[in-house]
Amino acid sequence: MTRDHKFEVEKEQALRLIRFIFELPEAQSTMSVSVVRAIVALAESSEEKLRLSSLEILGELGSWGLT
């Protein structure tokens, strides 16, 4: 069974935007649970091309003490 990968570019741009936003000092104090859940969903899928990027972002969020 193959997955439909037609939204790869949109997912990549969304991860870039999330990463950019959370680098801002004002945004580090507020974290949406739904955003973290979306990143976790990408990281959990073994077939996802952006899995490693998602894991890196989750690691950064953990080091910032936001999770």
PDB file of N, CA and C in Angstrom:
ATOM      1  N   MET A   1       0.845  -1.177   0.000  1.00  0.00           N
ATOM      2  CA  MET A   1       0.000   0.000   0.000  1.00  0.00           C
ATOM      3  C   MET A   1       0.892   1.242   0.000  1.00  0.00           C
ATOM      4  N   THR A   2       0.644   2.144  -0.889  1.00  0.00           N
ATOM      5  CA  THR A   2       1.450   3.354  -0.970  1.00  0.00           C
ATOM      6  C   THR A   2       0.696   4.537  -0.374  1.00  0.00           C
ATOM      7  N   ARG A   3       1.466   5.455   0.158  1.00  0.00           N
ATOM      8  CA  ARG A   3       0.871   6.660   0.723  1.00  0.00           C
ATOM      9  C   ARG A   3       0.828   7.756  -0.327  1.00  0.00           C
ATOM     10  N   ASP A   4      -0.118   8.655  -0.153  1.00  0.00           N
ATOM     11  CA  ASP A   4      -0.237   9.805  -1.033  1.00  0.00           C
ATOM     12  C   ASP A   4       0.660  10.916  -0.494  1.00  0.00           C
ATOM     13  N   HIS A   5       1.674  11.302  -1.264  1.00  0.00           N
ATOM     14  CA  HIS A   5       2.650  12.285  -0.815  1.00  0.00           C
ATOM     15  C   HIS A   5       2.477  13.637  -1.507  1.00  0.00           C
ATOM     16  N   LYS A   6       1.270  14.005  -1.853  1.00  0.00           N
ATOM     17  CA  LYS A   6       1.111  15.226  -2.620  1.00  0.00           C
ATOM     18  C   LYS A   6       1.161  16.499  -1.772  1.00  0.00           C
ATOM     19  N   PHE A   7       1.205  16.390  -0.452  1.00  0.00           N
ATOM     20  CA  PHE A   7       1.267  17.573   0.403  1.00  0.00           C
ATOM     21  C   PHE A   7       2.622  17.719   1.093  1.00  0.00           C
ATOM     22  N   GLU A   8       3.648  17.122   0.536  1.00  0.00           N
ATOM     23  CA  GLU A   8       4.975  17.170   1.143  1.00  0.00           C
ATOM     24  C   GLU A   8       5.514  18.595   1.236  1.00  0.00           C
ATOM     25  N   VAL A   9       5.327  19.367   0.194  1.00  0.00           N
ATOM     26  CA  VAL A   9       5.843  20.744   0.193  1.00  0.00           C
ATOM     27  C   VAL A   9       5.135  21.575   1.254  1.00  0.00           C
ATOM     28  N   GLU A  10       3.833  21.409   1.384  1.00  0.00           N
ATOM     29  CA  GLU A  10       3.076  22.151   2.378  1.00  0.00           C
ATOM     30  C   GLU A  10       3.499  21.766   3.794  1.00  0.00           C
ATOM     31  N   LYS A  11       3.740  20.485   4.022  1.00  0.00           N
ATOM     32  CA  LYS A  11       4.188  20.040   5.343  1.00  0.00           C
ATOM     33  C   LYS A  11       5.554  20.622   5.677  1.00  0.00           C
ATOM     34  N   GLU A  12       6.444  20.624   4.695  1.00  0.00           N
ATOM     35  CA  GLU A  12       7.776  21.172   4.913  1.00  0.00           C
ATOM     36  C   GLU A  12       7.702  22.664   5.244  1.00  0.00           C
ATOM     37  N   GLN A  13       6.895  23.396   4.511  1.00  0.00           N
ATOM     38  CA  GLN A  13       6.759  24.830   4.766  1.00  0.00           C
ATOM     39  C   GLN A  13       6.132  25.087   6.129  1.00  0.00           C
ATOM     40  N   ALA A  14       5.173  24.269   6.536  1.00  0.00           N
ATOM     41  CA  ALA A  14       4.553  24.419   7.849  1.00  0.00           C
ATOM     42  C   ALA A  14       5.570  24.174   8.966  1.00  0.00           C
ATOM     43  N   LEU A  15       6.408  23.148   8.813  1.00  0.00           N
ATOM     44  CA  LEU A  15       7.450  22.900   9.816  1.00  0.00           C
ATOM     45  C   LEU A  15       8.446  24.047   9.887  1.00  0.00           C
ATOM     46  N   ARG A  16       8.794  24.592   8.743  1.00  0.00           N
ATOM     47  CA  ARG A  16       9.709  25.745   8.735  1.00  0.00           C
ATOM     48  C   ARG A  16       9.091  26.940   9.446  1.00  0.00           C
ATOM     49  N   LEU A  17       7.812  27.184   9.205  1.00  0.00           N
ATOM     50  CA  LEU A  17       7.127  28.295   9.838  1.00  0.00           C
ATOM     51  C   LEU A  17       7.041  28.104  11.349  1.00  0.00           C
ATOM     52  N   ILE A  18       6.687  26.892  11.777  1.00  0.00           N
ATOM     53  CA  ILE A  18       6.619  26.594  13.208  1.00  0.00           C
ATOM     54  C   ILE A  18       7.974  26.809  13.860  1.00  0.00           C
ATOM     55  N   ARG A  19       9.009  26.318  13.225  1.00  0.00           N
ATOM     56  CA  ARG A  19      10.368  26.462  13.766  1.00  0.00           C
ATOM     57  C   ARG A  19      10.765  27.923  13.854  1.00  0.00           C
ATOM     58  N   PHE A  20      10.439  28.707  12.826  1.00  0.00           N
ATOM     59  CA  PHE A  20      10.753  30.135  12.821  1.00  0.00           C
ATOM     60  C   PHE A  20      10.002  30.864  13.936  1.00  0.00           C
ATOM     61  N   ILE A  21       8.716  30.571  14.081  1.00  0.00           N
ATOM     62  CA  ILE A  21       7.903  31.243  15.093  1.00  0.00           C
ATOM     63  C   ILE A  21       8.422  30.955  16.495  1.00  0.00           C
ATOM     64  N   PHE A  22       8.772  29.703  16.765  1.00  0.00           N
ATOM     65  CA  PHE A  22       9.201  29.368  18.113  1.00  0.00           C
ATOM     66  C   PHE A  22      10.636  29.750  18.416  1.00  0.00           C
ATOM     67  N   GLU A  23      11.351  30.298  17.444  1.00  0.00           N
ATOM     68  CA  GLU A  23      12.651  30.891  17.728  1.00  0.00           C
ATOM     69  C   GLU A  23      12.504  32.298  18.285  1.00  0.00           C
ATOM     70  N   LEU A  24      11.322  32.890  18.121  1.00  0.00           N
ATOM     71  CA  LEU A  24      11.072  34.226  18.647  1.00  0.00           C
ATOM     72  C   LEU A  24      10.896  34.156  20.162  1.00  0.00           C
ATOM     73  N   PRO A  25      11.513  35.056  20.908  1.00  0.00           N
ATOM     74  CA  PRO A  25      11.414  35.013  22.379  1.00  0.00           C
ATOM     75  C   PRO A  25       9.981  35.134  22.893  1.00  0.00           C
ATOM     76  N   GLU A  26       9.138  35.912  22.219  1.00  0.00           N
ATOM     77  CA  GLU A  26       7.750  36.087  22.665  1.00  0.00           C
ATOM     78  C   GLU A  26       6.947  34.800  22.539  1.00  0.00           C
ATOM     79  N   ALA A  27       7.262  33.999  21.538  1.00  0.00           N
ATOM     80  CA  ALA A  27       6.485  32.788  21.266  1.00  0.00           C
ATOM     81  C   ALA A  27       6.908  31.614  22.132  1.00  0.00           C
ATOM     82  N   GLN A  28       8.068  31.683  22.753  1.00  0.00           N
ATOM     83  CA  GLN A  28       8.554  30.546  23.525  1.00  0.00           C
ATOM     84  C   GLN A  28       7.757  30.324  24.799  1.00  0.00           C
ATOM     85  N   SER A  29       7.063  31.355  25.282  1.00  0.00           N
ATOM     86  CA  SER A  29       6.282  31.174  26.502  1.00  0.00           C
ATOM     87  C   SER A  29       4.897  30.598  26.218  1.00  0.00           C
ATOM     88  N   THR A  30       4.460  30.650  24.978  1.00  0.00           N
ATOM     89  CA  THR A  30       3.148  30.110  24.625  1.00  0.00           C
ATOM     90  C   THR A  30       3.314  28.981  23.616  1.00  0.00           C
ATOM     91  N   MET A  31       2.704  27.875  23.900  1.00  0.00           N
ATOM     92  CA  MET A  31       2.818  26.718  23.014  1.00  0.00           C
ATOM     93  C   MET A  31       1.443  26.091  22.860  1.00  0.00           C
ATOM     94  N   SER A  32       0.997  25.965  21.648  1.00  0.00           N
ATOM     95  CA  SER A  32      -0.277  25.328  21.375  1.00  0.00           C
ATOM     96  C   SER A  32      -0.100  23.808  21.405  1.00  0.00           C
ATOM     97  N   VAL A  33      -0.944  23.148  22.146  1.00  0.00           N
ATOM     98  CA  VAL A  33      -0.885  21.690  22.241  1.00  0.00           C
ATOM     99  C   VAL A  33      -1.160  21.063  20.876  1.00  0.00           C
ATOM    100  N   SER A  34      -2.036  21.665  20.111  1.00  0.00           N
ATOM    101  CA  SER A  34      -2.364  21.100  18.798  1.00  0.00           C
ATOM    102  C   SER A  34      -1.172  21.163  17.843  1.00  0.00           C
ATOM    103  N   VAL A  35      -0.329  22.186  17.969  1.00  0.00           N
ATOM    104  CA  VAL A  35       0.862  22.277  17.131  1.00  0.00           C
ATOM    105  C   VAL A  35       1.835  21.159  17.489  1.00  0.00           C
ATOM    106  N   VAL A  36       2.027  20.929  18.784  1.00  0.00           N
ATOM    107  CA  VAL A  36       2.923  19.855  19.225  1.00  0.00           C
ATOM    108  C   VAL A  36       2.381  18.502  18.776  1.00  0.00           C
ATOM    109  N   ARG A  37       1.085  18.310  18.874  1.00  0.00           N
ATOM    110  CA  ARG A  37       0.483  17.044  18.435  1.00  0.00           C
ATOM    111  C   ARG A  37       0.679  16.808  16.940  1.00  0.00           C
ATOM    112  N   ALA A  38       0.600  17.869  16.153  1.00  0.00           N
ATOM    113  CA  ALA A  38       0.812  17.737  14.712  1.00  0.00           C
ATOM    114  C   ALA A  38       2.252  17.329  14.415  1.00  0.00           C
ATOM    115  N   ILE A  39       3.196  17.914  15.141  1.00  0.00           N
ATOM    116  CA  ILE A  39       4.601  17.558  14.947  1.00  0.00           C
ATOM    117  C   ILE A  39       4.849  16.124  15.390  1.00  0.00           C
ATOM    118  N   VAL A  40       4.244  15.724  16.493  1.00  0.00           N
ATOM    119  CA  VAL A  40       4.382  14.346  16.979  1.00  0.00           C
ATOM    120  C   VAL A  40       3.797  13.363  15.972  1.00  0.00           C
ATOM    121  N   ALA A  41       2.675  13.708  15.358  1.00  0.00           N
ATOM    122  CA  ALA A  41       2.060  12.825  14.359  1.00  0.00           C
ATOM    123  C   ALA A  41       2.994  12.611  13.177  1.00  0.00           C
ATOM    124  N   LEU A  42       3.684  13.656  12.754  1.00  0.00           N
ATOM    125  CA  LEU A  42       4.658  13.498  11.671  1.00  0.00           C
ATOM    126  C   LEU A  42       5.827  12.631  12.124  1.00  0.00           C
ATOM    127  N   ALA A  43       6.275  12.825  13.353  1.00  0.00           N
ATOM    128  CA  ALA A  43       7.435  12.088  13.854  1.00  0.00           C
ATOM    129  C   ALA A  43       7.127  10.606  14.067  1.00  0.00           C
ATOM    130  N   GLU A  44       5.876  10.275  14.373  1.00  0.00           N
ATOM    131  CA  GLU A  44       5.511   8.882  14.647  1.00  0.00           C
ATOM    132  C   GLU A  44       5.400   8.029  13.386  1.00  0.00           C
ATOM    133  N   SER A  45       5.143   8.650  12.256  1.00  0.00           N
ATOM    134  CA  SER A  45       4.946   7.899  11.018  1.00  0.00           C
ATOM    135  C   SER A  45       6.298   7.489  10.432  1.00  0.00           C
ATOM    136  N   SER A  46       6.520   6.192  10.324  1.00  0.00           N
ATOM    137  CA  SER A  46       7.801   5.702   9.811  1.00  0.00           C
ATOM    138  C   SER A  46       7.955   5.945   8.307  1.00  0.00           C
ATOM    139  N   GLU A  47       6.858   6.161   7.594  1.00  0.00           N
ATOM    140  CA  GLU A  47       6.911   6.393   6.155  1.00  0.00           C
ATOM    141  C   GLU A  47       7.043   7.875   5.804  1.00  0.00           C
ATOM    142  N   GLU A  48       6.972   8.731   6.794  1.00  0.00           N
ATOM    143  CA  GLU A  48       6.995  10.174   6.561  1.00  0.00           C
ATOM    144  C   GLU A  48       8.398  10.657   6.213  1.00  0.00           C
ATOM    145  N   LYS A  49       8.508  11.409   5.126  1.00  0.00           N
ATOM    146  CA  LYS A  49       9.805  11.930   4.706  1.00  0.00           C
ATOM    147  C   LYS A  49      10.345  12.976   5.688  1.00  0.00           C
ATOM    148  N   LEU A  50       9.455  13.672   6.359  1.00  0.00           N
ATOM    149  CA  LEU A  50       9.855  14.740   7.276  1.00  0.00           C
ATOM    150  C   LEU A  50       9.968  14.260   8.721  1.00  0.00           C
ATOM    151  N   ARG A  51      10.069  12.960   8.904  1.00  0.00           N
ATOM    152  CA  ARG A  51      10.122  12.372  10.241  1.00  0.00           C
ATOM    153  C   ARG A  51      11.323  12.882  11.038  1.00  0.00           C
ATOM    154  N   LEU A  52      12.493  12.877  10.443  1.00  0.00           N
ATOM    155  CA  LEU A  52      13.693  13.315  11.160  1.00  0.00           C
ATOM    156  C   LEU A  52      13.637  14.803  11.496  1.00  0.00           C
ATOM    157  N   SER A  53      13.118  15.586  10.594  1.00  0.00           N
ATOM    158  CA  SER A  53      12.963  17.016  10.868  1.00  0.00           C
ATOM    159  C   SER A  53      12.003  17.243  12.033  1.00  0.00           C
ATOM    160  N   SER A  54      10.931  16.477  12.062  1.00  0.00           N
ATOM    161  CA  SER A  54       9.966  16.591  13.153  1.00  0.00           C
ATOM    162  C   SER A  54      10.597  16.193  14.482  1.00  0.00           C
ATOM    163  N   LEU A  55      11.393  15.137  14.472  1.00  0.00           N
ATOM    164  CA  LEU A  55      12.072  14.720  15.696  1.00  0.00           C
ATOM    165  C   LEU A  55      13.060  15.781  16.174  1.00  0.00           C
ATOM    166  N   GLU A  56      13.741  16.416  15.253  1.00  0.00           N
ATOM    167  CA  GLU A  56      14.673  17.483  15.627  1.00  0.00           C
ATOM    168  C   GLU A  56      13.938  18.663  16.254  1.00  0.00           C
ATOM    169  N   ILE A  57      12.805  19.031  15.683  1.00  0.00           N
ATOM    170  CA  ILE A  57      12.025  20.137  16.232  1.00  0.00           C
ATOM    171  C   ILE A  57      11.501  19.787  17.617  1.00  0.00           C
ATOM    172  N   LEU A  58      11.032  18.559  17.805  1.00  0.00           N
ATOM    173  CA  LEU A  58      10.568  18.141  19.132  1.00  0.00           C
ATOM    174  C   LEU A  58      11.713  18.167  20.144  1.00  0.00           C
ATOM    175  N   GLY A  59      12.901  17.764  19.703  1.00  0.00           N
ATOM    176  CA  GLY A  59      14.060  17.829  20.588  1.00  0.00           C
ATOM    177  C   GLY A  59      14.396  19.258  20.984  1.00  0.00           C
ATOM    178  N   GLU A  60      14.305  20.169  20.037  1.00  0.00           N
ATOM    179  CA  GLU A  60      14.553  21.579  20.335  1.00  0.00           C
ATOM    180  C   GLU A  60      13.511  22.128  21.297  1.00  0.00           C
ATOM    181  N   LEU A  61      12.255  21.766  21.077  1.00  0.00           N
ATOM    182  CA  LEU A  61      11.207  22.229  21.984  1.00  0.00           C
ATOM    183  C   LEU A  61      11.438  21.695  23.390  1.00  0.00           C
ATOM    184  N   GLY A  62      11.909  20.458  23.479  1.00  0.00           N
ATOM    185  CA  GLY A  62      12.223  19.888  24.787  1.00  0.00           C
ATOM    186  C   GLY A  62      13.374  20.603  25.458  1.00  0.00           C
ATOM    187  N   SER A  63      14.372  20.999  24.683  1.00  0.00           N
ATOM    188  CA  SER A  63      15.511  21.693  25.273  1.00  0.00           C
ATOM    189  C   SER A  63      15.145  23.118  25.692  1.00  0.00           C
ATOM    190  N   TRP A  64      14.120  23.697  25.055  1.00  0.00           N
ATOM    191  CA  TRP A  64      13.657  25.001  25.461  1.00  0.00           C
ATOM    192  C   TRP A  64      12.746  24.913  26.688  1.00  0.00           C
ATOM    193  N   GLY A  65      12.356  23.694  27.054  1.00  0.00           N
ATOM    194  CA  GLY A  65      11.495  23.510  28.205  1.00  0.00           C
ATOM    195  C   GLY A  65      10.034  23.837  27.921  1.00  0.00           C
ATOM    196  N   LEU A  66       9.597  23.653  26.689  1.00  0.00           N
ATOM    197  CA  LEU A  66       8.238  23.995  26.304  1.00  0.00           C
ATOM    198  C   LEU A  66       7.282  22.825  26.309  1.00  0.00           C
ATOM    199  N   THR A  67       7.789  21.624  26.320  1.00  0.00           N
ATOM    200  CA  THR A  67       6.886  20.473  26.200  1.00  0.00           C
ATOM    201  C   THR A  67       6.355  20.052  27.540  1.00  0.00           C
TER     202      THR A  67
END
